[in-house]
N, C-alpha and C. Protein backbone atom coordinates (compact mmCIF):
# COMPACT_ATOMS: atom_id res chain seq x y z
N MET A 1 0.84 -1.19 0.00
CA MET A 1 0.00 0.00 0.00
C MET A 1 0.88 1.24 0.00
N PRO A 2 0.37 2.36 -0.48
CA PRO A 2 1.15 3.61 -0.42
C PRO A 2 1.52 3.93 1.02
N GLN A 3 2.77 4.30 1.22
CA GLN A 3 3.28 4.56 2.58
C GLN A 3 2.94 6.00 2.98
N THR A 4 1.67 6.21 3.28
CA THR A 4 1.20 7.53 3.67
C THR A 4 1.68 7.85 5.09
N ASP A 5 1.63 9.13 5.44
CA ASP A 5 2.01 9.51 6.80
C ASP A 5 1.11 8.85 7.83
N GLN A 6 -0.18 8.73 7.53
CA GLN A 6 -1.11 8.10 8.47
C GLN A 6 -0.76 6.63 8.70
N LEU A 7 -0.45 5.91 7.61
CA LEU A 7 -0.09 4.50 7.74
C LEU A 7 1.19 4.34 8.53
N ARG A 8 2.19 5.16 8.24
CA ARG A 8 3.46 5.06 8.96
C ARG A 8 3.28 5.42 10.45
N ALA A 9 2.39 6.36 10.75
CA ALA A 9 2.12 6.71 12.14
C ALA A 9 1.50 5.53 12.89
N MET A 10 0.60 4.81 12.23
CA MET A 10 0.00 3.64 12.87
C MET A 10 1.03 2.54 13.07
N HIS A 11 1.91 2.37 12.08
CA HIS A 11 2.99 1.38 12.22
C HIS A 11 3.93 1.77 13.36
N THR A 12 4.15 3.05 13.54
CA THR A 12 5.02 3.50 14.62
C THR A 12 4.46 3.08 15.97
N ILE A 13 3.15 3.14 16.11
CA ILE A 13 2.51 2.75 17.37
C ILE A 13 2.64 1.25 17.60
N ILE A 14 2.27 0.45 16.62
CA ILE A 14 2.20 -1.00 16.85
C ILE A 14 3.57 -1.67 16.83
N ARG A 15 4.56 -1.05 16.22
CA ARG A 15 5.90 -1.64 16.23
C ARG A 15 6.65 -1.35 17.53
N ASP A 16 6.22 -0.37 18.28
CA ASP A 16 6.86 -0.03 19.55
C ASP A 16 6.70 -1.20 20.52
N ARG A 17 7.81 -1.70 21.06
CA ARG A 17 7.73 -2.86 21.94
C ARG A 17 6.99 -2.55 23.24
N GLY A 18 6.81 -1.28 23.55
CA GLY A 18 6.05 -0.90 24.73
C GLY A 18 4.58 -0.65 24.46
N CYS A 19 4.12 -0.93 23.25
CA CYS A 19 2.72 -0.69 22.89
C CYS A 19 1.79 -1.58 23.71
N ALA A 20 0.78 -0.99 24.34
CA ALA A 20 -0.21 -1.77 25.08
C ALA A 20 -1.03 -2.62 24.11
N ARG A 21 -1.49 -3.77 24.59
CA ARG A 21 -2.22 -4.68 23.70
C ARG A 21 -3.46 -4.03 23.10
N GLU A 22 -4.20 -3.26 23.89
CA GLU A 22 -5.41 -2.65 23.35
C GLU A 22 -5.10 -1.68 22.20
N ASP A 23 -3.96 -0.98 22.29
CA ASP A 23 -3.55 -0.11 21.20
C ASP A 23 -3.08 -0.92 20.00
N PHE A 24 -2.37 -2.02 20.27
CA PHE A 24 -1.91 -2.88 19.18
C PHE A 24 -3.10 -3.40 18.39
N VAL A 25 -4.12 -3.88 19.09
CA VAL A 25 -5.30 -4.43 18.42
C VAL A 25 -6.05 -3.33 17.67
N PHE A 26 -6.23 -2.18 18.29
CA PHE A 26 -6.99 -1.09 17.67
C PHE A 26 -6.35 -0.63 16.36
N TYR A 27 -5.04 -0.34 16.40
CA TYR A 27 -4.39 0.19 15.20
C TYR A 27 -4.12 -0.90 14.17
N SER A 28 -3.90 -2.14 14.62
CA SER A 28 -3.78 -3.24 13.67
C SER A 28 -5.08 -3.42 12.89
N ARG A 29 -6.20 -3.31 13.58
CA ARG A 29 -7.49 -3.46 12.90
C ARG A 29 -7.72 -2.34 11.90
N ARG A 30 -7.29 -1.15 12.22
CA ARG A 30 -7.41 -0.04 11.26
C ARG A 30 -6.61 -0.34 10.00
N ILE A 31 -5.39 -0.85 10.18
CA ILE A 31 -4.55 -1.18 9.02
C ILE A 31 -5.16 -2.34 8.24
N MET A 32 -5.68 -3.33 8.96
CA MET A 32 -6.28 -4.47 8.27
C MET A 32 -7.48 -4.05 7.43
N ARG A 33 -8.25 -3.07 7.91
CA ARG A 33 -9.37 -2.57 7.11
C ARG A 33 -8.87 -1.96 5.80
N LEU A 34 -7.79 -1.20 5.88
CA LEU A 34 -7.21 -0.61 4.67
C LEU A 34 -6.71 -1.70 3.72
N LEU A 35 -6.08 -2.73 4.30
CA LEU A 35 -5.57 -3.84 3.49
C LEU A 35 -6.70 -4.55 2.75
N LEU A 36 -7.78 -4.82 3.45
CA LEU A 36 -8.90 -5.51 2.83
C LEU A 36 -9.55 -4.67 1.74
N GLU A 37 -9.67 -3.37 1.98
CA GLU A 37 -10.23 -2.50 0.93
C GLU A 37 -9.34 -2.52 -0.31
N ALA A 38 -8.01 -2.51 -0.10
CA ALA A 38 -7.09 -2.57 -1.24
C ALA A 38 -7.18 -3.92 -1.93
N GLY A 39 -7.33 -4.99 -1.15
CA GLY A 39 -7.48 -6.31 -1.75
C GLY A 39 -8.76 -6.43 -2.56
N CYS A 40 -9.86 -5.91 -2.02
CA CYS A 40 -11.13 -5.96 -2.74
C CYS A 40 -11.08 -5.15 -4.03
N ASP A 41 -10.25 -4.13 -4.06
CA ASP A 41 -10.12 -3.32 -5.27
C ASP A 41 -9.49 -4.11 -6.43
N LEU A 42 -8.86 -5.25 -6.12
CA LEU A 42 -8.26 -6.09 -7.15
C LEU A 42 -9.24 -7.12 -7.71
N LEU A 43 -10.43 -7.20 -7.12
CA LEU A 43 -11.46 -8.10 -7.64
C LEU A 43 -12.06 -7.55 -8.92
N PRO A 44 -12.65 -8.39 -9.76
CA PRO A 44 -13.24 -7.89 -11.00
C PRO A 44 -14.57 -7.17 -10.76
N PHE A 45 -14.78 -6.11 -11.55
CA PHE A 45 -16.02 -5.33 -11.48
C PHE A 45 -16.61 -5.21 -12.88
N ALA A 46 -17.91 -5.05 -12.93
CA ALA A 46 -18.61 -4.86 -14.21
C ALA A 46 -19.32 -3.51 -14.19
N LYS A 47 -19.54 -2.94 -15.38
CA LYS A 47 -20.21 -1.65 -15.47
C LYS A 47 -21.69 -1.79 -15.11
N LYS A 48 -22.20 -0.78 -14.41
CA LYS A 48 -23.62 -0.76 -14.07
C LYS A 48 -24.08 0.69 -13.94
N ASP A 49 -25.11 1.04 -14.69
CA ASP A 49 -25.68 2.38 -14.61
C ASP A 49 -26.85 2.38 -13.64
N VAL A 50 -26.92 3.44 -12.83
CA VAL A 50 -28.06 3.61 -11.92
C VAL A 50 -28.61 5.02 -12.08
N THR A 51 -29.89 5.16 -11.73
CA THR A 51 -30.53 6.47 -11.77
C THR A 51 -30.46 7.08 -10.38
N THR A 52 -29.95 8.31 -10.30
CA THR A 52 -29.79 8.99 -9.02
C THR A 52 -31.11 9.62 -8.58
N PRO A 53 -31.21 10.08 -7.34
CA PRO A 53 -32.47 10.71 -6.87
C PRO A 53 -32.89 11.94 -7.66
N VAL A 54 -31.95 12.53 -8.41
CA VAL A 54 -32.34 13.71 -9.20
C VAL A 54 -32.63 13.35 -10.65
N GLY A 55 -32.71 12.03 -10.95
CA GLY A 55 -33.09 11.60 -12.28
C GLY A 55 -31.94 11.48 -13.27
N ALA A 56 -30.71 11.72 -12.82
CA ALA A 56 -29.56 11.59 -13.70
C ALA A 56 -29.02 10.16 -13.66
N THR A 57 -28.17 9.85 -14.62
CA THR A 57 -27.57 8.52 -14.70
C THR A 57 -26.14 8.56 -14.16
N TYR A 58 -25.85 7.65 -13.27
CA TYR A 58 -24.48 7.49 -12.78
C TYR A 58 -23.90 6.22 -13.38
N GLN A 59 -22.79 6.37 -14.09
CA GLN A 59 -22.14 5.22 -14.71
C GLN A 59 -21.20 4.58 -13.69
N GLY A 60 -21.70 3.59 -13.02
CA GLY A 60 -20.97 2.99 -11.91
C GLY A 60 -20.46 1.60 -12.19
N LEU A 61 -20.12 0.90 -11.10
CA LEU A 61 -19.57 -0.44 -11.18
C LEU A 61 -20.25 -1.31 -10.13
N VAL A 62 -20.23 -2.62 -10.38
CA VAL A 62 -20.75 -3.59 -9.44
C VAL A 62 -19.76 -4.75 -9.37
N LEU A 63 -19.58 -5.32 -8.18
CA LEU A 63 -18.67 -6.45 -8.02
C LEU A 63 -19.09 -7.60 -8.92
N ASP A 64 -18.17 -8.10 -9.72
CA ASP A 64 -18.45 -9.16 -10.68
C ASP A 64 -17.67 -10.41 -10.31
N ALA A 65 -17.81 -10.84 -9.07
CA ALA A 65 -17.09 -12.01 -8.59
C ALA A 65 -17.81 -12.58 -7.39
N LYS A 66 -17.51 -13.85 -7.10
CA LYS A 66 -17.99 -14.49 -5.87
C LYS A 66 -16.78 -14.60 -4.94
N PRO A 67 -16.59 -13.63 -4.04
CA PRO A 67 -15.41 -13.68 -3.19
C PRO A 67 -15.62 -14.58 -1.97
N CYS A 68 -14.52 -15.10 -1.48
CA CYS A 68 -14.51 -15.76 -0.19
C CYS A 68 -13.15 -15.49 0.43
N ALA A 69 -12.99 -15.87 1.66
CA ALA A 69 -11.71 -15.71 2.34
C ALA A 69 -11.26 -17.05 2.89
N VAL A 70 -9.95 -17.20 2.99
CA VAL A 70 -9.36 -18.36 3.66
C VAL A 70 -8.29 -17.82 4.60
N SER A 71 -8.45 -18.09 5.90
CA SER A 71 -7.47 -17.59 6.86
C SER A 71 -6.51 -18.70 7.24
N VAL A 72 -5.23 -18.32 7.34
CA VAL A 72 -4.21 -19.24 7.80
C VAL A 72 -4.17 -19.13 9.33
N ILE A 73 -4.58 -20.20 9.99
CA ILE A 73 -4.66 -20.21 11.46
C ILE A 73 -3.25 -20.08 12.04
N ARG A 74 -3.00 -19.22 13.02
CA ARG A 74 -3.94 -18.51 13.85
C ARG A 74 -3.96 -17.03 13.50
N ALA A 75 -2.82 -16.50 13.08
CA ALA A 75 -2.73 -15.04 12.89
C ALA A 75 -3.73 -14.54 11.86
N GLY A 76 -4.01 -15.34 10.84
CA GLY A 76 -4.94 -14.92 9.81
C GLY A 76 -6.34 -14.66 10.34
N GLU A 77 -6.68 -15.32 11.44
CA GLU A 77 -8.01 -15.13 12.02
C GLU A 77 -8.21 -13.72 12.57
N ALA A 78 -7.11 -13.01 12.81
CA ALA A 78 -7.21 -11.64 13.30
C ALA A 78 -7.88 -10.73 12.28
N ILE A 79 -7.84 -11.10 11.02
CA ILE A 79 -8.38 -10.26 9.95
C ILE A 79 -9.86 -10.54 9.70
N GLU A 80 -10.38 -11.62 10.25
CA GLU A 80 -11.73 -12.06 9.89
C GLU A 80 -12.81 -11.07 10.30
N GLY A 81 -12.64 -10.41 11.46
CA GLY A 81 -13.66 -9.47 11.89
C GLY A 81 -13.85 -8.33 10.92
N GLU A 82 -12.74 -7.78 10.43
CA GLU A 82 -12.84 -6.68 9.45
C GLU A 82 -13.41 -7.20 8.13
N LEU A 83 -13.07 -8.42 7.76
CA LEU A 83 -13.57 -8.99 6.52
C LEU A 83 -15.09 -9.10 6.56
N ARG A 84 -15.63 -9.54 7.70
CA ARG A 84 -17.10 -9.70 7.80
C ARG A 84 -17.81 -8.36 7.68
N ASP A 85 -17.15 -7.27 8.11
CA ASP A 85 -17.75 -5.95 7.96
C ASP A 85 -17.76 -5.50 6.50
N ILE A 86 -16.71 -5.84 5.77
CA ILE A 86 -16.57 -5.38 4.39
C ILE A 86 -17.31 -6.27 3.41
N LEU A 87 -17.24 -7.59 3.63
CA LEU A 87 -17.90 -8.55 2.74
C LEU A 87 -18.83 -9.43 3.57
N PRO A 88 -19.93 -8.88 4.08
CA PRO A 88 -20.83 -9.69 4.91
C PRO A 88 -21.40 -10.86 4.11
N GLY A 89 -21.40 -12.02 4.72
CA GLY A 89 -21.93 -13.20 4.04
C GLY A 89 -20.91 -13.99 3.27
N ALA A 90 -19.72 -13.43 3.06
CA ALA A 90 -18.69 -14.18 2.32
C ALA A 90 -18.22 -15.35 3.17
N PRO A 91 -18.17 -16.56 2.60
CA PRO A 91 -17.71 -17.71 3.38
C PRO A 91 -16.22 -17.59 3.71
N ILE A 92 -15.84 -18.19 4.83
CA ILE A 92 -14.45 -18.15 5.28
C ILE A 92 -13.96 -19.57 5.53
N GLY A 93 -12.91 -19.96 4.81
CA GLY A 93 -12.29 -21.26 5.02
C GLY A 93 -11.11 -21.14 5.97
N LYS A 94 -10.58 -22.30 6.37
CA LYS A 94 -9.47 -22.33 7.33
C LYS A 94 -8.39 -23.28 6.84
N ILE A 95 -7.14 -22.87 7.06
CA ILE A 95 -5.99 -23.74 6.81
C ILE A 95 -5.06 -23.64 8.01
N LEU A 96 -4.61 -24.79 8.51
CA LEU A 96 -3.63 -24.81 9.60
C LEU A 96 -2.34 -25.43 9.08
N ILE A 97 -1.31 -24.62 9.07
CA ILE A 97 0.02 -25.06 8.63
C ILE A 97 1.02 -24.69 9.71
N GLN A 98 1.85 -25.63 10.10
CA GLN A 98 2.90 -25.35 11.06
C GLN A 98 4.22 -25.91 10.55
N ARG A 99 5.31 -25.22 10.92
CA ARG A 99 6.63 -25.65 10.48
C ARG A 99 7.17 -26.73 11.41
N ASP A 100 7.63 -27.82 10.83
CA ASP A 100 8.25 -28.88 11.61
C ASP A 100 9.54 -28.38 12.25
N LYS A 101 9.68 -28.59 13.56
CA LYS A 101 10.82 -28.03 14.27
C LYS A 101 12.14 -28.67 13.85
N GLN A 102 12.10 -29.89 13.33
CA GLN A 102 13.33 -30.56 12.93
C GLN A 102 13.66 -30.32 11.47
N THR A 103 12.66 -30.53 10.59
CA THR A 103 12.92 -30.38 9.15
C THR A 103 12.82 -28.94 8.68
N LYS A 104 12.16 -28.07 9.50
CA LYS A 104 11.92 -26.66 9.16
C LYS A 104 10.97 -26.50 7.98
N LEU A 105 10.31 -27.59 7.57
CA LEU A 105 9.40 -27.54 6.43
C LEU A 105 7.95 -27.37 6.92
N PRO A 106 7.12 -26.66 6.15
CA PRO A 106 5.72 -26.48 6.56
C PRO A 106 4.95 -27.79 6.42
N HIS A 107 4.07 -28.04 7.37
CA HIS A 107 3.26 -29.26 7.37
C HIS A 107 1.79 -28.87 7.49
N LEU A 108 0.96 -29.43 6.59
CA LEU A 108 -0.47 -29.15 6.61
C LEU A 108 -1.16 -30.06 7.61
N TYR A 109 -1.83 -29.45 8.60
CA TYR A 109 -2.53 -30.20 9.62
C TYR A 109 -4.04 -30.21 9.41
N TYR A 110 -4.56 -29.16 8.79
CA TYR A 110 -6.03 -29.05 8.72
C TYR A 110 -6.40 -28.10 7.60
N ARG A 111 -7.49 -28.42 6.92
CA ARG A 111 -8.07 -27.50 5.95
C ARG A 111 -9.57 -27.73 5.89
N HIS A 112 -10.31 -26.66 5.76
CA HIS A 112 -11.76 -26.73 5.60
C HIS A 112 -12.15 -25.56 4.71
N LEU A 113 -12.52 -25.85 3.47
CA LEU A 113 -12.73 -24.82 2.46
C LEU A 113 -14.18 -24.83 1.98
N PRO A 114 -14.67 -23.68 1.47
CA PRO A 114 -16.00 -23.66 0.87
C PRO A 114 -16.10 -24.69 -0.26
N ALA A 115 -17.23 -25.37 -0.37
CA ALA A 115 -17.39 -26.43 -1.36
C ALA A 115 -17.21 -25.93 -2.79
N ASP A 116 -17.58 -24.68 -3.03
CA ASP A 116 -17.50 -24.13 -4.39
C ASP A 116 -16.30 -23.21 -4.56
N ILE A 117 -15.24 -23.43 -3.80
CA ILE A 117 -14.11 -22.50 -3.81
C ILE A 117 -13.46 -22.37 -5.19
N ALA A 118 -13.53 -23.43 -6.01
CA ALA A 118 -12.92 -23.37 -7.34
C ALA A 118 -13.60 -22.33 -8.23
N GLU A 119 -14.82 -21.93 -7.88
CA GLU A 119 -15.56 -20.94 -8.68
C GLU A 119 -15.40 -19.53 -8.12
N ARG A 120 -14.62 -19.38 -7.06
CA ARG A 120 -14.55 -18.09 -6.36
C ARG A 120 -13.19 -17.42 -6.51
N HIS A 121 -13.19 -16.12 -6.19
CA HIS A 121 -11.95 -15.38 -5.97
C HIS A 121 -11.65 -15.44 -4.47
N VAL A 122 -10.40 -15.69 -4.13
CA VAL A 122 -10.05 -15.97 -2.74
C VAL A 122 -9.15 -14.89 -2.17
N LEU A 123 -9.55 -14.34 -1.03
CA LEU A 123 -8.68 -13.48 -0.24
C LEU A 123 -7.99 -14.36 0.79
N LEU A 124 -6.70 -14.60 0.62
CA LEU A 124 -5.93 -15.44 1.52
C LEU A 124 -5.39 -14.57 2.65
N LEU A 125 -5.86 -14.81 3.86
CA LEU A 125 -5.51 -13.97 5.01
C LEU A 125 -4.28 -14.56 5.70
N GLU A 126 -3.12 -13.96 5.46
CA GLU A 126 -1.86 -14.44 6.02
C GLU A 126 -1.02 -13.22 6.40
N PRO A 127 -1.08 -12.80 7.68
CA PRO A 127 -0.45 -11.53 8.06
C PRO A 127 1.06 -11.45 7.88
N MET A 128 1.79 -12.55 8.13
CA MET A 128 3.25 -12.50 8.09
C MET A 128 3.80 -13.28 6.90
N LEU A 129 4.60 -12.63 6.08
CA LEU A 129 5.24 -13.29 4.94
C LEU A 129 6.75 -13.11 5.10
N ALA A 130 7.40 -14.08 5.73
CA ALA A 130 8.85 -14.01 5.98
C ALA A 130 9.57 -14.89 4.96
N THR A 131 9.72 -16.18 5.25
CA THR A 131 10.37 -17.09 4.30
C THR A 131 9.42 -17.48 3.18
N ALA A 132 8.12 -17.31 3.39
CA ALA A 132 7.05 -17.65 2.43
C ALA A 132 6.74 -19.14 2.40
N GLY A 133 7.37 -19.94 3.25
CA GLY A 133 7.11 -21.36 3.23
C GLY A 133 5.66 -21.69 3.55
N SER A 134 5.11 -21.13 4.62
CA SER A 134 3.73 -21.40 4.99
C SER A 134 2.75 -20.80 3.98
N ALA A 135 3.06 -19.61 3.50
CA ALA A 135 2.18 -18.97 2.52
C ALA A 135 2.08 -19.79 1.24
N LEU A 136 3.21 -20.28 0.77
CA LEU A 136 3.20 -21.08 -0.46
C LEU A 136 2.49 -22.41 -0.24
N ALA A 137 2.65 -22.99 0.96
CA ALA A 137 1.92 -24.22 1.26
C ALA A 137 0.42 -23.97 1.25
N ALA A 138 -0.01 -22.81 1.77
CA ALA A 138 -1.43 -22.47 1.76
C ALA A 138 -1.92 -22.25 0.33
N ILE A 139 -1.11 -21.59 -0.47
CA ILE A 139 -1.48 -21.39 -1.88
C ILE A 139 -1.61 -22.73 -2.59
N ASP A 140 -0.70 -23.67 -2.29
CA ASP A 140 -0.79 -25.00 -2.89
C ASP A 140 -2.11 -25.68 -2.55
N VAL A 141 -2.57 -25.51 -1.30
CA VAL A 141 -3.86 -26.09 -0.90
C VAL A 141 -4.99 -25.52 -1.76
N LEU A 142 -4.95 -24.20 -1.99
CA LEU A 142 -5.99 -23.56 -2.80
C LEU A 142 -5.93 -24.02 -4.25
N VAL A 143 -4.73 -24.08 -4.81
CA VAL A 143 -4.59 -24.52 -6.19
C VAL A 143 -5.04 -25.97 -6.35
N ASP A 144 -4.68 -26.81 -5.38
CA ASP A 144 -5.11 -28.21 -5.43
C ASP A 144 -6.63 -28.33 -5.35
N ALA A 145 -7.28 -27.33 -4.73
CA ALA A 145 -8.74 -27.34 -4.64
C ALA A 145 -9.40 -26.75 -5.88
N GLY A 146 -8.60 -26.36 -6.87
CA GLY A 146 -9.14 -25.88 -8.13
C GLY A 146 -9.15 -24.38 -8.32
N VAL A 147 -8.57 -23.63 -7.38
CA VAL A 147 -8.54 -22.16 -7.50
C VAL A 147 -7.40 -21.75 -8.43
N ALA A 148 -7.70 -20.93 -9.42
CA ALA A 148 -6.66 -20.44 -10.33
C ALA A 148 -5.77 -19.44 -9.59
N GLU A 149 -4.47 -19.46 -9.92
CA GLU A 149 -3.53 -18.55 -9.27
C GLU A 149 -3.99 -17.10 -9.35
N ASP A 150 -4.47 -16.69 -10.52
CA ASP A 150 -4.83 -15.29 -10.70
C ASP A 150 -6.13 -14.92 -9.99
N ARG A 151 -6.73 -15.88 -9.28
CA ARG A 151 -7.91 -15.59 -8.46
C ARG A 151 -7.57 -15.58 -6.97
N ILE A 152 -6.28 -15.62 -6.66
CA ILE A 152 -5.84 -15.60 -5.27
C ILE A 152 -5.20 -14.25 -4.97
N ILE A 153 -5.70 -13.57 -3.95
CA ILE A 153 -5.15 -12.30 -3.49
C ILE A 153 -4.74 -12.49 -2.03
N MET A 154 -3.44 -12.39 -1.76
CA MET A 154 -2.97 -12.56 -0.39
C MET A 154 -3.05 -11.23 0.34
N VAL A 155 -3.79 -11.20 1.43
CA VAL A 155 -3.90 -10.02 2.28
C VAL A 155 -2.89 -10.20 3.40
N ASN A 156 -1.86 -9.35 3.39
CA ASN A 156 -0.68 -9.58 4.22
C ASN A 156 -0.32 -8.30 4.97
N PHE A 157 0.05 -8.46 6.24
CA PHE A 157 0.38 -7.30 7.06
C PHE A 157 1.82 -6.84 6.83
N LEU A 158 2.77 -7.77 6.97
CA LEU A 158 4.19 -7.45 6.75
C LEU A 158 4.81 -8.49 5.82
N SER A 159 5.68 -8.02 4.93
CA SER A 159 6.38 -8.92 4.01
C SER A 159 7.88 -8.66 4.07
N SER A 160 8.64 -9.73 3.89
CA SER A 160 10.08 -9.58 3.69
C SER A 160 10.35 -9.53 2.19
N PRO A 161 11.42 -8.87 1.77
CA PRO A 161 11.76 -8.88 0.34
C PRO A 161 11.97 -10.30 -0.18
N GLU A 162 12.60 -11.15 0.65
CA GLU A 162 12.86 -12.53 0.24
C GLU A 162 11.56 -13.29 0.02
N GLY A 163 10.61 -13.10 0.94
CA GLY A 163 9.33 -13.78 0.80
C GLY A 163 8.56 -13.36 -0.43
N LEU A 164 8.55 -12.07 -0.71
CA LEU A 164 7.86 -11.58 -1.90
C LEU A 164 8.50 -12.12 -3.17
N ARG A 165 9.84 -12.14 -3.20
CA ARG A 165 10.52 -12.66 -4.40
C ARG A 165 10.20 -14.14 -4.61
N ARG A 166 10.13 -14.89 -3.51
CA ARG A 166 9.85 -16.32 -3.63
C ARG A 166 8.44 -16.57 -4.14
N VAL A 167 7.47 -15.84 -3.61
CA VAL A 167 6.09 -16.00 -4.09
C VAL A 167 6.00 -15.63 -5.56
N ALA A 168 6.65 -14.54 -5.95
CA ALA A 168 6.62 -14.10 -7.34
C ALA A 168 7.25 -15.14 -8.26
N ALA A 169 8.30 -15.81 -7.79
CA ALA A 169 8.98 -16.80 -8.61
C ALA A 169 8.19 -18.10 -8.73
N GLU A 170 7.58 -18.53 -7.62
CA GLU A 170 6.93 -19.84 -7.60
C GLU A 170 5.45 -19.78 -7.93
N ARG A 171 4.80 -18.66 -7.62
CA ARG A 171 3.38 -18.50 -7.92
C ARG A 171 3.15 -17.11 -8.50
N PRO A 172 3.61 -16.89 -9.74
CA PRO A 172 3.58 -15.53 -10.31
C PRO A 172 2.19 -14.96 -10.52
N GLY A 173 1.16 -15.80 -10.55
CA GLY A 173 -0.19 -15.29 -10.76
C GLY A 173 -0.83 -14.72 -9.51
N VAL A 174 -0.28 -15.06 -8.35
CA VAL A 174 -0.85 -14.59 -7.08
C VAL A 174 -0.47 -13.14 -6.84
N ARG A 175 -1.44 -12.34 -6.41
CA ARG A 175 -1.18 -10.94 -6.06
C ARG A 175 -1.13 -10.79 -4.55
N VAL A 176 -0.25 -9.93 -4.09
CA VAL A 176 -0.05 -9.72 -2.66
C VAL A 176 -0.31 -8.26 -2.33
N VAL A 177 -1.16 -8.02 -1.33
CA VAL A 177 -1.38 -6.68 -0.81
C VAL A 177 -0.78 -6.65 0.59
N THR A 178 0.18 -5.76 0.82
CA THR A 178 0.83 -5.68 2.11
C THR A 178 0.91 -4.23 2.59
N SER A 179 0.97 -4.05 3.91
CA SER A 179 1.04 -2.69 4.43
C SER A 179 2.48 -2.21 4.56
N ALA A 180 3.46 -3.12 4.50
CA ALA A 180 4.86 -2.71 4.61
C ALA A 180 5.77 -3.83 4.13
N VAL A 181 6.85 -3.44 3.45
CA VAL A 181 7.91 -4.38 3.07
C VAL A 181 9.11 -4.08 3.95
N GLU A 182 9.55 -5.10 4.70
CA GLU A 182 10.61 -4.91 5.67
C GLU A 182 11.98 -4.79 5.01
N GLU A 183 12.99 -4.47 5.81
CA GLU A 183 14.34 -4.29 5.28
C GLU A 183 15.00 -5.62 4.97
N ALA A 184 14.83 -6.61 5.85
CA ALA A 184 15.50 -7.90 5.68
C ALA A 184 14.97 -8.88 6.71
N MET A 185 15.57 -10.08 6.73
CA MET A 185 15.32 -11.07 7.78
C MET A 185 16.64 -11.35 8.49
N ASN A 186 16.55 -11.63 9.80
CA ASN A 186 17.76 -12.00 10.52
C ASN A 186 18.00 -13.51 10.43
N GLU A 187 19.01 -13.99 11.15
CA GLU A 187 19.38 -15.41 11.04
C GLU A 187 18.32 -16.34 11.61
N HIS A 188 17.38 -15.80 12.39
CA HIS A 188 16.30 -16.61 12.95
C HIS A 188 15.01 -16.47 12.14
N ALA A 189 15.10 -15.88 10.96
CA ALA A 189 13.96 -15.68 10.06
C ALA A 189 12.92 -14.72 10.63
N PHE A 190 13.35 -13.80 11.53
CA PHE A 190 12.48 -12.72 11.98
C PHE A 190 12.72 -11.51 11.10
N MET A 191 11.62 -10.85 10.72
CA MET A 191 11.75 -9.68 9.85
C MET A 191 12.27 -8.49 10.65
N ILE A 192 13.08 -7.68 9.98
CA ILE A 192 13.71 -6.50 10.58
C ILE A 192 13.26 -5.26 9.79
N PRO A 193 12.77 -4.18 10.43
CA PRO A 193 12.70 -3.95 11.88
C PRO A 193 11.63 -4.76 12.60
N GLY A 194 10.63 -5.25 11.91
CA GLY A 194 9.72 -6.23 12.46
C GLY A 194 8.66 -5.70 13.40
N ILE A 195 7.89 -6.68 13.91
CA ILE A 195 6.75 -6.36 14.78
C ILE A 195 6.61 -7.38 15.90
N GLY A 196 7.51 -8.36 15.96
CA GLY A 196 7.36 -9.45 16.92
C GLY A 196 6.42 -10.50 16.37
N ASP A 197 5.89 -11.35 17.23
CA ASP A 197 4.93 -12.37 16.82
C ASP A 197 3.54 -11.75 16.76
N PHE A 198 3.04 -11.55 15.56
CA PHE A 198 1.77 -10.84 15.38
C PHE A 198 0.63 -11.52 16.12
N GLY A 199 0.52 -12.85 15.97
CA GLY A 199 -0.58 -13.56 16.61
C GLY A 199 -0.56 -13.44 18.12
N ASP A 200 0.63 -13.58 18.71
CA ASP A 200 0.73 -13.48 20.17
C ASP A 200 0.37 -12.08 20.64
N ARG A 201 0.84 -11.07 19.94
CA ARG A 201 0.55 -9.70 20.36
C ARG A 201 -0.92 -9.36 20.17
N PHE A 202 -1.52 -9.85 19.10
CA PHE A 202 -2.93 -9.53 18.84
C PHE A 202 -3.85 -10.26 19.81
N PHE A 203 -3.59 -11.54 20.06
CA PHE A 203 -4.48 -12.34 20.89
C PHE A 203 -4.08 -12.35 22.36
N GLY A 204 -2.93 -11.74 22.68
CA GLY A 204 -2.55 -11.60 24.08
C GLY A 204 -2.16 -12.90 24.75
N THR A 205 -1.40 -13.72 24.04
CA THR A 205 -1.02 -15.00 24.61
C THR A 205 0.37 -14.91 25.27
N THR A 206 1.38 -15.59 24.72
CA THR A 206 2.67 -15.63 25.38
C THR A 206 3.46 -14.35 25.13
N ASP A 207 4.50 -14.16 25.94
CA ASP A 207 5.43 -13.05 25.72
C ASP A 207 6.17 -13.29 24.42
N CYS A 208 5.99 -12.41 23.47
CA CYS A 208 6.50 -12.65 22.12
C CYS A 208 7.69 -11.76 21.80
N GLY A 209 8.32 -11.18 22.79
CA GLY A 209 9.44 -10.31 22.49
C GLY A 209 9.04 -8.88 22.30
N ALA A 210 7.78 -8.54 22.64
CA ALA A 210 7.35 -7.16 22.51
C ALA A 210 8.01 -6.27 23.54
N ARG A 211 8.52 -6.90 24.60
CA ARG A 211 9.26 -6.14 25.62
C ARG A 211 10.64 -6.76 25.76
N ALA A 212 11.57 -5.99 26.26
CA ALA A 212 12.93 -6.50 26.45
C ALA A 212 12.93 -7.57 27.54
């Protein structure tokens, strides 16, 4: 997304390791709303004329797609509330992928998708794109279910340059909407300057490094 002063100010709040959880959730949700609006703008639209209250014709547009969302558990679920406000009634699928601690490879544990997902445009809710291993595994699940690459829009909070390059190389048809591209990743695959563990900070679970 365009790096406006308002967006950078919100990032300044939520990236601060001293940010209170209620502020983290509030400003993260504001950013997620912007992300979803930008993602929806990539969906197909058709022309539609309507008559205004003064009898004039407005040459407008109407959504020409059947959208749905698929959230990557758990962090992706943070985006679902805003999605329901923007696309009420849109079905939401779930994918659970975790990285094996020994092999470091992503492993699919669970998936539950809309029955007609192959006919839909999919907003893939995946807030963190670091190595892109989990994101690509989730995309593989969608493609295996019959979704065309060019019908997948990843709604992403933070991306690493390496992760974006990998998605572009391996799944060039997928589009990614992100609120920020980080400088790099460190040796532990954490993005720099980063935000810590998004899911932990949003849901208020374990200490995720938000404080020293």
